[in-house]
Amino acid sequence: MPVRDPPLPEGPSWRRLPAGIWALGFVSLLMDVSSEMIHALLPVYLVVGLGATALTVGVIEGIAEATAAITKVFSGALSDRIGRRKELAAIGYGLAAVTKPIFPLAPSIGWLVAARFIDRVGKGIRGAPRDALVADIAPPELRGAAFGLRQSLDTIGAFIGPLLAIGLMWVFADDFASVFWMAVIPAFAALALILFFVHEPPRPAGLRTVRNPLSRRELAGLGAIYWWVVAVAAVFTLARFSEAFLILRAEGAGLSLMFVPLVLVVLNIAYALSAYPVGALSDRMNRIAILIVGLALLIAADLTIALAPGLWGIIAGVVLWGLHMGFTQGILATLIADSAPPELRGTAFGMFNLVTGMALLAASVIAGVLWDTFGAEWSFLAGAAFAVLTITALIPLHSRLSKGDGK
C-alpha cells in the first residue's frame, strides 16, 4: 500500500492527541514503574535472599524474555482476527498486575519463576495489540506524536521505578518484601486506567475481516514496504545490543558499584526527553530522515564509548545512546503503522517485535564474543559498523516511500 510523507498538522501536537493516547501512555508509565521497582531488585533478591545462583537468574530472565517475544506474535494476530484490541491489552496488563503480590509472598524460587513467567506472558499479550490500538486511535497526521508520547511516558516509568526502589530500600531498611508490596499499587492503577479510560474506536466500515492472520497469504499481504522496514529494523537492532554492556563499560572505567544503576537512569532520561518531540517532528517532515539522524547519534555514541578516555567520555556516550533511542524507537513503530494494512496491524507489530527480539539476542551474543575476544572497544565499534550498514539500507527505502511505491 502507498506510504507518503504525512501532511503538515496545525497547532501543538500534544493538545490534539486523543485522550486515549494519553491514557495508554500513563498505563505504560505506571506499569513500568511497578515492574522496574521489582526487576531492579529481583536479581539481588534471588541470590542474596533465596540463595539462587547467577545461572538460575540468567535462565529465568532468558525464558521470560523469549516467552514475551513469542507471545506478541500470537496476541497481535488474534487482535486482527477478532477485530478488537483493548480486551487483549487489558488481559496482558491484568496478568502483570495479579502477579505482583506473588513477589513479596513467594516462599521459594519456583514461585518467583512462575510469577516472572506469567508477568512476561502478560507483556507479550499486551504489546502488539496496544501498539496497534495506538495506531487505530491516533489521527494519521499525528501518528508520530502518538507513538513518541507513549514511548516517552513508558521510559519515564523505566527510570522512576529503579529510583523508587532505591529510595524505598532505604526507607524500609533493605526489606525487599515491603518494596515489592509498594510495587503492587501502580500495577493495579495501570489496570484500572486501561479498563475505564481507554475506549477502542469503532471498526471502520468495510474493513476486511481476517480469518488467519499468520497464513502465508496474509503475511505476504503486509507488503514489501513493511517487510523492508522490518529487515532494516533487524539490522539496526544488531547495532544496539543490550544496555547491560553500557553498565559494564562504565564500571570498567571506574564507576563505583553503588552508582552503576545510574547509567540506565541517565540513558532513560535522555530517551524520555527526546522521544515525544522527535515523534511530533516526524509528523512534519520525512520519518526516514529522522531515523538516519538517530543512527548517526548511535554511531557517535559507539565511537565515544569505544574511544573517549575516562568515565565522563563514557557518560557522554550513554547520553548519546539515549538520544538515539528517542530518535528511532517511536519512529520505527510509526513506520510499521504507516506501512501495514489497518486490518493486519496487530500481526504487523507482533512479527516486528519477534524479529527485532531475535536480533537483539544475536546482537548481545556478538557483542559479548567481541568483548571477551578483542576487548570492550570492539563491541562498540562493531555496533557503529552495523549502524552504517543500516543507513545504506534506508536510502533505497527512502526512495520507495517518496515515490509512494508499496509494491
Protein backbone atom coordinates (compact mmCIF):
# COMPACT_ATOMS: atom_id res chain seq x y z
CA MET A 1 0.00 0.00 0.00
CA PRO A 2 1.28 3.54 -0.71
CA VAL A 3 3.08 5.30 2.11
CA ARG A 4 3.71 9.01 1.71
CA ASP A 5 5.05 11.76 3.91
CA PRO A 6 2.28 12.86 6.32
CA PRO A 7 0.52 16.19 5.82
CA LEU A 8 1.54 19.15 7.94
CA PRO A 9 -0.63 19.35 11.11
CA GLU A 10 -1.56 22.69 12.67
CA GLY A 11 -1.22 23.64 16.35
CA PRO A 12 0.62 21.88 19.20
CA SER A 13 0.52 18.13 18.68
CA TRP A 14 0.11 17.23 22.35
CA ARG A 15 -3.13 19.24 22.59
CA ARG A 16 -4.60 17.48 19.56
CA LEU A 17 -3.82 13.94 20.63
CA PRO A 18 -6.92 11.95 21.65
CA ALA A 19 -7.42 11.24 25.36
CA GLY A 20 -6.99 7.52 24.67
CA ILE A 21 -3.38 8.08 23.60
CA TRP A 22 -2.61 9.92 26.85
CA ALA A 23 -4.35 7.19 28.84
CA LEU A 24 -2.33 4.44 27.13
CA GLY A 25 0.84 6.43 27.77
CA PHE A 26 0.13 6.66 31.50
CA VAL A 27 -0.84 2.97 31.57
CA SER A 28 2.64 2.21 30.23
CA LEU A 29 4.24 4.62 32.72
CA LEU A 30 2.52 3.11 35.76
CA MET A 31 3.17 -0.49 34.77
CA ASP A 32 6.83 0.29 34.05
CA VAL A 33 7.19 1.95 37.47
CA SER A 34 5.78 -1.19 39.09
CA SER A 35 7.79 -3.67 37.02
CA GLU A 36 11.09 -1.80 37.31
CA MET A 37 10.73 -1.43 41.08
CA ILE A 38 10.75 -5.23 41.23
CA HIS A 39 13.16 -6.01 38.39
CA ALA A 40 15.78 -3.60 39.73
CA LEU A 41 15.96 -5.66 42.93
CA LEU A 42 14.95 -9.15 41.78
CA PRO A 43 18.41 -10.48 40.74
CA VAL A 44 19.91 -9.44 44.09
CA TYR A 45 16.88 -10.80 45.98
CA LEU A 46 17.17 -14.16 44.20
CA VAL A 47 20.86 -14.51 45.00
CA VAL A 48 21.02 -12.91 48.46
CA GLY A 49 17.55 -13.62 49.77
CA LEU A 50 16.80 -17.05 48.30
CA GLY A 51 20.27 -18.41 47.55
CA ALA A 52 19.89 -18.71 43.77
CA THR A 53 22.94 -18.94 41.52
CA ALA A 54 23.81 -16.48 38.77
CA LEU A 55 22.99 -19.23 36.26
CA THR A 56 19.48 -19.51 37.73
CA VAL A 57 18.99 -15.76 37.34
CA GLY A 58 20.14 -15.94 33.72
CA VAL A 59 17.84 -18.85 32.89
CA ILE A 60 14.85 -17.09 34.48
CA GLU A 61 15.47 -13.90 32.54
CA GLY A 62 16.13 -15.74 29.27
CA ILE A 63 12.93 -17.78 29.48
CA ALA A 64 10.94 -14.70 30.49
CA GLU A 65 12.05 -12.53 27.58
CA ALA A 66 11.77 -15.33 24.99
CA THR A 67 8.22 -16.02 26.20
CA ALA A 68 7.27 -12.36 25.80
CA ALA A 69 8.67 -12.16 22.25
CA ILE A 70 6.85 -15.28 21.05
CA THR A 71 3.54 -14.37 22.72
CA LYS A 72 3.48 -10.98 20.96
CA VAL A 73 3.12 -12.65 17.56
CA PHE A 74 0.03 -14.63 18.52
CA SER A 75 -1.66 -11.86 20.52
CA GLY A 76 -1.20 -9.41 17.66
CA ALA A 77 -2.64 -11.90 15.17
CA LEU A 78 -5.55 -12.70 17.48
CA SER A 79 -6.41 -8.99 17.78
CA ASP A 80 -6.65 -8.87 13.97
CA ARG A 81 -8.80 -11.99 13.83
CA ILE A 82 -11.34 -10.83 16.42
CA GLY A 83 -11.18 -7.20 15.27
CA ARG A 84 -10.63 -5.84 18.79
CA ARG A 85 -7.50 -4.81 20.67
CA LYS A 86 -8.41 -3.29 24.06
CA GLU A 87 -9.56 -6.59 25.61
CA LEU A 88 -6.26 -8.32 24.83
CA ALA A 89 -4.21 -5.35 26.02
CA ALA A 90 -6.23 -5.26 29.26
CA ILE A 91 -5.74 -9.02 29.78
CA GLY A 92 -1.99 -8.52 29.36
CA TYR A 93 -1.87 -5.69 31.88
CA GLY A 94 -4.17 -7.68 34.20
CA LEU A 95 -1.84 -10.68 34.21
CA ALA A 96 1.09 -8.40 35.01
CA ALA A 97 -0.86 -6.79 37.86
CA VAL A 98 -2.04 -10.01 39.53
CA THR A 99 1.50 -11.42 39.58
CA LYS A 100 2.89 -8.50 41.56
CA PRO A 101 1.65 -9.70 45.00
CA ILE A 102 3.35 -13.06 44.37
CA PHE A 103 6.81 -11.46 44.61
CA PRO A 104 6.57 -10.44 48.30
CA LEU A 105 4.65 -13.61 49.20
CA ALA A 106 6.75 -16.18 47.30
CA PRO A 107 8.17 -18.85 49.66
CA SER A 108 10.58 -20.29 47.09
CA ILE A 109 12.37 -19.69 43.81
CA GLY A 110 9.75 -21.77 41.98
CA TRP A 111 7.03 -19.28 42.85
CA LEU A 112 9.16 -16.38 41.62
CA VAL A 113 9.89 -18.20 38.35
CA ALA A 114 6.16 -18.74 37.85
CA ALA A 115 5.37 -15.10 38.64
CA ARG A 116 8.08 -13.81 36.30
CA PHE A 117 6.88 -16.16 33.55
CA ILE A 118 3.23 -15.05 33.87
CA ASP A 119 4.33 -11.40 34.03
CA ARG A 120 6.20 -11.78 30.72
CA VAL A 121 3.26 -13.64 29.16
CA GLY A 122 1.21 -10.59 30.11
CA LYS A 123 3.76 -8.31 28.47
CA GLY A 124 3.66 -10.43 25.33
CA ILE A 125 -0.14 -10.43 25.21
CA ARG A 126 -0.45 -6.65 25.57
CA GLY A 127 2.45 -5.45 23.40
CA ALA A 128 1.28 -5.81 19.79
CA PRO A 129 -2.45 -5.11 20.43
CA ARG A 130 -1.54 -1.98 22.41
CA ASP A 131 0.70 -0.63 19.65
CA ALA A 132 -1.96 -1.42 17.05
CA LEU A 133 -4.52 0.35 19.28
CA VAL A 134 -2.30 3.46 19.37
CA ALA A 135 -2.28 3.42 15.56
CA ASP A 136 -6.06 2.90 15.46
CA ILE A 137 -6.81 5.78 17.86
CA ALA A 138 -4.29 8.36 16.61
CA PRO A 139 -5.18 10.52 13.59
CA PRO A 140 -2.77 9.65 10.73
CA GLU A 141 -1.30 13.18 10.77
CA LEU A 142 -0.43 12.80 14.49
CA ARG A 143 0.75 9.20 14.46
CA GLY A 144 4.41 10.04 15.08
CA ALA A 145 3.50 12.26 18.06
CA ALA A 146 1.25 9.50 19.45
CA PHE A 147 3.95 6.83 19.38
CA GLY A 148 6.53 9.33 20.65
CA LEU A 149 4.34 10.31 23.60
CA ARG A 150 3.68 6.70 24.61
CA GLN A 151 7.39 5.95 24.34
CA SER A 152 8.33 8.99 26.45
CA LEU A 153 5.87 8.16 29.21
CA ASP A 154 6.89 4.49 29.16
CA THR A 155 10.54 5.49 29.51
CA ILE A 156 9.79 7.90 32.35
CA GLY A 157 8.40 4.91 34.22
CA ALA A 158 11.54 2.95 33.40
CA PHE A 159 13.75 5.36 35.36
CA ILE A 160 11.27 6.33 38.09
CA GLY A 161 10.88 2.66 39.05
CA PRO A 162 14.54 1.96 39.92
CA LEU A 163 14.86 5.31 41.71
CA LEU A 164 11.79 4.49 43.80
CA ALA A 165 13.25 1.05 44.55
CA ILE A 166 16.48 2.63 45.78
CA GLY A 167 14.63 5.15 47.95
CA LEU A 168 12.19 2.60 49.37
CA MET A 169 15.00 0.18 50.21
CA TRP A 170 16.44 2.98 52.34
CA VAL A 171 13.03 3.78 53.91
CA PHE A 172 12.27 0.12 54.69
CA ALA A 173 15.82 -0.73 55.80
CA ASP A 174 16.54 -3.14 52.92
CA ASP A 175 13.28 -5.06 53.36
CA PHE A 176 12.66 -6.48 49.87
CA ALA A 177 9.10 -7.63 50.64
CA SER A 178 7.95 -4.15 51.67
CA VAL A 179 9.28 -2.63 48.45
CA PHE A 180 7.61 -5.38 46.40
CA TRP A 181 4.28 -4.63 48.12
CA MET A 182 4.59 -0.95 47.18
CA ALA A 183 5.05 -2.03 43.54
CA VAL A 184 1.55 -3.56 43.60
CA ILE A 185 -0.10 -0.09 43.77
CA PRO A 186 0.97 1.35 40.36
CA ALA A 187 0.33 -2.03 38.68
CA PHE A 188 -3.35 -2.06 39.64
CA ALA A 189 -3.63 1.67 38.89
CA ALA A 190 -2.45 0.90 35.34
CA LEU A 191 -5.06 -1.86 35.01
CA ALA A 192 -7.85 0.46 36.20
CA LEU A 193 -6.71 3.14 33.76
CA ILE A 194 -6.92 0.92 30.68
CA LEU A 195 -10.24 -0.60 31.78
CA PHE A 196 -12.06 2.67 32.42
CA PHE A 197 -10.29 5.40 30.43
CA VAL A 198 -9.23 3.74 27.16
CA HIS A 199 -12.01 3.33 24.61
CA GLU A 200 -11.47 1.40 21.39
CA PRO A 201 -12.64 3.25 18.27
CA PRO A 202 -15.40 1.66 16.16
CA ARG A 203 -14.17 -0.70 13.47
CA PRO A 204 -14.15 1.19 10.13
CA ALA A 205 -16.99 0.23 7.83
CA GLY A 206 -15.90 -2.08 5.05
CA LEU A 207 -12.63 -3.10 6.71
CA ARG A 208 -11.72 -6.59 5.56
CA THR A 209 -12.19 -9.48 8.00
CA VAL A 210 -9.05 -11.55 8.55
CA ARG A 211 -9.54 -15.24 9.35
CA ASN A 212 -5.94 -16.46 9.58
CA PRO A 213 -3.55 -13.51 10.05
CA LEU A 214 -0.46 -15.75 10.23
CA SER A 215 -1.11 -17.55 6.94
CA ARG A 216 1.45 -17.16 4.17
CA ARG A 217 -1.06 -15.21 2.10
CA GLU A 218 -1.79 -12.67 4.83
CA LEU A 219 1.87 -12.25 5.78
CA ALA A 220 2.68 -11.58 2.12
CA GLY A 221 -0.21 -9.10 2.12
CA LEU A 222 1.63 -6.97 4.65
CA GLY A 223 3.54 -5.66 1.64
CA ALA A 224 7.11 -5.19 0.51
CA ILE A 225 7.49 -1.84 2.27
CA TYR A 226 6.51 -3.37 5.61
CA TRP A 227 8.97 -6.25 5.27
CA TRP A 228 11.71 -3.84 4.19
CA VAL A 229 11.10 -1.78 7.34
CA VAL A 230 11.29 -4.98 9.44
CA ALA A 231 14.53 -6.03 7.72
CA VAL A 232 16.07 -2.59 8.29
CA ALA A 233 14.95 -2.71 11.93
CA ALA A 234 16.59 -6.13 12.36
CA VAL A 235 19.94 -4.87 11.03
CA PHE A 236 19.58 -1.77 13.16
CA THR A 237 18.92 -3.91 16.25
CA LEU A 238 22.23 -5.69 15.64
CA ALA A 239 23.81 -2.25 16.18
CA ARG A 240 22.06 -1.62 19.52
CA PHE A 241 22.85 -4.56 21.75
CA SER A 242 21.79 -4.87 25.39
CA GLU A 243 22.30 -1.82 27.60
CA ALA A 244 23.99 -4.18 30.06
CA PHE A 245 27.18 -3.59 28.05
CA LEU A 246 26.94 0.14 28.79
CA ILE A 247 26.86 -0.68 32.50
CA LEU A 248 29.88 -2.99 32.17
CA ARG A 249 31.80 -0.34 30.24
CA ALA A 250 31.07 2.34 32.86
CA GLU A 251 32.04 0.01 35.69
CA GLY A 252 35.26 -0.88 33.90
CA ALA A 253 36.06 2.82 33.56
CA GLY A 254 35.90 3.29 37.33
CA LEU A 255 32.26 3.93 38.21
CA SER A 256 31.65 2.52 41.69
CA LEU A 257 29.16 -0.34 42.05
CA MET A 258 26.92 1.85 44.18
CA PHE A 259 26.29 4.23 41.27
CA VAL A 260 26.22 1.73 38.41
CA PRO A 261 22.37 1.77 38.17
CA LEU A 262 22.56 5.49 37.41
CA VAL A 263 23.86 4.61 33.93
CA LEU A 264 20.38 3.43 32.95
CA VAL A 265 18.79 6.41 34.69
CA VAL A 266 20.89 8.82 32.59
CA LEU A 267 20.13 6.85 29.43
CA ASN A 268 16.38 6.78 30.07
CA ILE A 269 16.21 10.49 30.91
CA ALA A 270 17.77 11.31 27.52
CA TYR A 271 15.41 8.81 25.87
CA ALA A 272 12.28 10.14 27.59
CA LEU A 273 13.08 13.80 26.90
CA SER A 274 13.64 13.21 23.18
CA ALA A 275 11.04 10.60 22.16
CA TYR A 276 7.93 12.81 22.11
CA PRO A 277 9.48 15.92 20.45
CA VAL A 278 11.05 13.71 17.80
CA GLY A 279 7.77 11.86 17.22
CA ALA A 280 5.90 15.16 16.82
CA LEU A 281 8.62 16.39 14.44
CA SER A 282 8.20 13.26 12.31
CA ASP A 283 4.62 14.32 11.57
CA ARG A 284 6.04 17.45 9.93
CA MET A 285 8.97 16.03 7.99
CA ASN A 286 10.25 12.81 6.44
CA ARG A 287 10.47 9.99 9.00
CA ILE A 288 13.38 8.23 7.27
CA ALA A 289 15.50 11.37 7.51
CA ILE A 290 14.88 11.49 11.28
CA LEU A 291 15.73 7.79 11.55
CA ILE A 292 19.04 8.45 9.80
CA VAL A 293 19.78 11.20 12.34
CA GLY A 294 19.08 8.66 15.08
CA LEU A 295 21.53 6.22 13.52
CA ALA A 296 24.15 8.97 13.30
CA LEU A 297 23.64 9.54 17.04
CA LEU A 298 24.17 5.81 17.65
CA ILE A 299 27.41 5.88 15.63
CA ALA A 300 28.56 8.88 17.69
CA ALA A 301 27.61 7.05 20.90
CA ASP A 302 29.51 3.91 19.91
CA LEU A 303 32.63 5.81 18.90
CA THR A 304 32.52 7.94 22.05
CA ILE A 305 32.12 4.94 24.36
CA ALA A 306 34.79 2.98 22.50
CA LEU A 307 37.42 5.69 22.11
CA ALA A 308 36.79 8.58 24.55
CA PRO A 309 39.10 8.48 27.57
CA GLY A 310 37.76 8.43 31.10
CA LEU A 311 34.41 7.98 32.79
CA TRP A 312 32.96 11.29 31.60
CA GLY A 313 33.53 10.30 27.99
CA ILE A 314 31.53 7.14 28.57
CA ILE A 315 28.73 9.08 30.30
CA ALA A 316 28.59 11.37 27.24
CA GLY A 317 28.30 8.26 25.09
CA VAL A 318 25.44 6.99 27.28
CA VAL A 319 23.58 10.29 26.79
CA LEU A 320 24.04 9.97 23.01
CA TRP A 321 22.80 6.37 23.22
CA GLY A 322 19.63 7.54 24.99
CA LEU A 323 19.09 10.26 22.39
CA HIS A 324 19.47 7.74 19.56
CA MET A 325 16.68 5.66 21.11
CA GLY A 326 14.45 8.71 21.29
CA PHE A 327 15.13 9.38 17.61
CA THR A 328 14.48 5.81 16.46
CA GLN A 329 12.19 3.59 18.57
CA GLY A 330 8.97 5.56 18.18
CA ILE A 331 9.78 6.27 14.52
CA LEU A 332 10.17 2.56 13.76
CA ALA A 333 6.80 1.85 15.40
CA THR A 334 5.23 4.67 13.37
CA LEU A 335 6.69 3.26 10.13
CA ILE A 336 5.17 -0.13 10.94
CA ALA A 337 1.78 1.52 11.49
CA ASP A 338 2.18 3.56 8.28
CA SER A 339 3.09 0.60 6.10
CA ALA A 340 0.82 -2.20 7.40
CA PRO A 341 -2.83 -2.58 6.29
CA PRO A 342 -5.19 -1.49 9.12
CA GLU A 343 -6.75 -4.96 9.39
CA LEU A 344 -3.30 -6.54 9.93
CA ARG A 345 -1.70 -4.02 12.29
CA GLY A 346 -1.68 -6.41 15.25
CA THR A 347 0.07 -9.10 13.21
CA ALA A 348 2.46 -6.49 11.83
CA PHE A 349 3.56 -5.33 15.29
CA GLY A 350 3.78 -8.93 16.53
CA MET A 351 6.11 -10.01 13.70
CA PHE A 352 8.15 -6.82 14.08
CA ASN A 353 8.64 -7.49 17.81
CA LEU A 354 9.57 -11.13 17.20
CA VAL A 355 12.18 -10.34 14.53
CA THR A 356 13.76 -7.46 16.45
CA GLY A 357 13.72 -9.53 19.68
CA MET A 358 15.67 -12.31 17.96
CA ALA A 359 18.05 -9.72 16.50
CA LEU A 360 18.63 -8.22 19.96
CA LEU A 361 19.57 -11.65 21.29
CA ALA A 362 22.01 -12.14 18.39
CA ALA A 363 23.41 -8.63 18.88
CA SER A 364 24.12 -9.26 22.55
CA VAL A 365 25.85 -12.57 21.75
CA ILE A 366 28.00 -10.91 19.08
CA ALA A 367 28.88 -8.04 21.43
CA GLY A 368 29.79 -10.49 24.19
CA VAL A 369 32.05 -12.55 21.92
CA LEU A 370 33.84 -9.44 20.64
CA TRP A 371 34.17 -8.10 24.20
CA ASP A 372 35.76 -11.31 25.50
CA THR A 373 37.95 -11.93 22.45
CA PHE A 374 39.20 -8.49 21.40
CA GLY A 375 38.19 -6.07 24.17
CA ALA A 376 35.26 -3.82 25.05
CA GLU A 377 36.06 -1.22 22.39
CA TRP A 378 35.44 -3.69 19.56
CA SER A 379 31.87 -4.39 20.68
CA PHE A 380 31.01 -0.73 20.22
CA LEU A 381 32.99 -0.36 17.00
CA ALA A 382 31.05 -3.29 15.56
CA GLY A 383 27.83 -1.59 16.63
CA ALA A 384 28.87 1.52 14.73
CA ALA A 385 29.55 -0.62 11.64
CA PHE A 386 26.07 -2.18 11.80
CA ALA A 387 24.59 1.33 12.14
CA VAL A 388 26.39 2.42 8.96
CA LEU A 389 25.02 -0.67 7.20
CA THR A 390 21.51 0.26 8.35
CA ILE A 391 21.86 3.74 6.87
CA THR A 392 22.79 2.24 3.49
CA ALA A 393 19.61 0.10 3.64
CA LEU A 394 17.49 3.15 4.50
CA ILE A 395 18.48 5.09 1.39
CA PRO A 396 16.55 2.89 -1.11
CA LEU A 397 13.65 2.63 1.36
CA HIS A 398 13.53 6.45 1.48
CA SER A 399 13.36 6.48 -2.31
CA ARG A 400 10.48 4.00 -2.44
CA LEU A 401 8.49 5.80 0.25
CA SER A 402 8.97 9.12 -1.56
CA LYS A 403 7.52 7.58 -4.74
CA GLY A 404 4.62 6.03 -2.77
CA ASP A 405 5.55 2.60 -4.11
CA GLY A 406 4.14 -0.03 -1.80
CA LYS A 407 4.76 -3.00 -4.12
